[in-house]
Protein backbone atom coordinates (compact mmCIF):
# COMPACT_ATOMS: atom_id res chain seq x y z
CA MET A 1 82.27 217.48 -45.48
CA GLN A 2 78.66 216.96 -44.36
CA GLU A 3 77.98 220.70 -44.59
CA VAL A 4 79.21 220.79 -48.18
CA VAL A 5 77.07 217.80 -49.17
CA LEU A 6 74.04 219.23 -47.35
CA SER A 7 74.39 222.63 -49.02
CA LEU A 8 74.80 220.93 -52.42
CA LEU A 9 71.62 218.90 -51.85
CA VAL A 10 69.69 222.00 -50.78
CA PHE A 11 70.94 223.84 -53.87
CA LEU A 12 69.96 220.97 -56.18
CA ALA A 13 66.54 220.67 -54.53
CA GLY A 14 65.87 224.39 -55.01
CA LEU A 15 67.21 224.58 -58.55
CA PRO A 16 63.92 223.71 -60.31
CA ALA A 17 62.22 226.58 -58.48
CA LEU A 18 64.52 229.04 -60.22
CA ASP A 19 63.36 227.87 -63.64
CA ALA A 20 59.67 227.52 -62.71
CA ASN A 21 56.94 228.88 -64.93
CA ASP A 22 54.65 231.68 -63.92
CA PRO A 23 52.30 230.19 -61.26
CA GLU A 24 49.35 231.96 -62.86
CA ASP A 25 49.95 230.35 -66.27
CA LYS A 26 46.74 228.32 -66.51
CA ASN A 27 47.87 226.61 -69.74
CA SER A 28 50.86 225.04 -68.01
CA PRO A 29 50.60 221.28 -67.47
CA PHE A 30 51.84 221.83 -63.90
CA TYR A 31 49.15 224.34 -62.89
CA TYR A 32 46.96 223.09 -60.05
CA ASP A 33 43.79 224.64 -58.71
CA TRP A 34 44.78 224.27 -55.05
CA HIS A 35 41.53 225.68 -53.67
CA SER A 36 39.37 223.10 -55.46
CA LEU A 37 41.81 220.34 -54.51
CA GLN A 38 41.63 221.37 -50.85
CA ILE A 39 37.83 221.54 -50.85
CA GLY A 40 37.61 218.12 -52.53
CA GLY A 41 39.99 216.64 -49.95
CA VAL A 42 37.96 218.02 -47.05
CA ILE A 43 34.72 216.67 -48.55
CA CYS A 44 36.32 213.25 -49.07
CA ALA A 45 37.63 213.21 -45.48
CA VAL A 46 34.21 214.15 -44.08
CA VAL A 47 32.47 211.43 -46.10
CA LEU A 48 34.99 208.75 -45.05
CA CYS A 49 34.83 209.83 -41.41
CA GLY A 50 31.03 209.76 -41.50
CA ILE A 51 31.02 206.27 -43.01
CA GLY A 52 33.43 205.11 -40.31
CA VAL A 53 31.24 206.48 -37.54
CA ILE A 54 28.14 204.90 -39.08
CA VAL A 55 29.85 201.50 -39.34
CA LEU A 56 31.04 201.69 -35.74
CA LEU A 57 27.65 202.70 -34.39
CA SER A 58 25.60 200.30 -36.53
CA GLY A 59 26.34 197.29 -34.33
CA LYS A 60 27.17 195.08 -37.31
CA CYS A 61 30.85 194.92 -36.32
CA LYS A 62 30.98 193.10 -33.00
CA CYS A 63 34.30 192.10 -31.56
CA LYS A 64 34.14 188.82 -29.71
CA PHE A 65 37.03 189.02 -27.27
CA SER A 66 35.28 187.04 -24.54
CA GLN A 67 35.26 183.79 -26.52
CA LYS A 68 38.20 181.45 -26.16
CA PRO A 69 39.82 180.38 -29.42
CA SER A 70 38.93 176.84 -30.38
CA HIS A 71 41.67 174.25 -30.78
CA ARG A 72 41.68 171.59 -33.41
CA ALA A 73 41.64 167.96 -32.41
CA GLY A 74 45.17 166.67 -32.56
CA GLU A 75 46.80 169.94 -31.62
CA ALA A 76 48.28 170.31 -28.18
CA PRO A 77 46.83 173.05 -26.01
CA PRO A 78 49.03 176.11 -25.58
CA LEU A 79 51.68 175.79 -22.86
CA ILE A 80 51.08 179.27 -21.52
CA THR A 81 47.51 180.06 -20.65
CA PRO A 82 46.15 183.35 -19.33
CA GLY A 83 46.36 183.53 -15.54
CA SER A 84 48.86 180.67 -15.15
CA ALA A 85 51.80 182.91 -14.33
């Protein structure tokens, strides 16, 4: 039964490809210039990666893991503290 359902799903998924327009039809609303899209994606990825590296190396983002979290007055201290086990 699973094989029949799987083959039916594969057939239905491939059915639009049988009725597809000519891929070189530039007037089609579903024509994409894949080369320009790929180049734009690579440029966007390089810019975002560069910005990430600049932010990390700028020293503006400093993680403060060595500080203990402050407790409010009236709250009980945590029952489990680091190193108590």
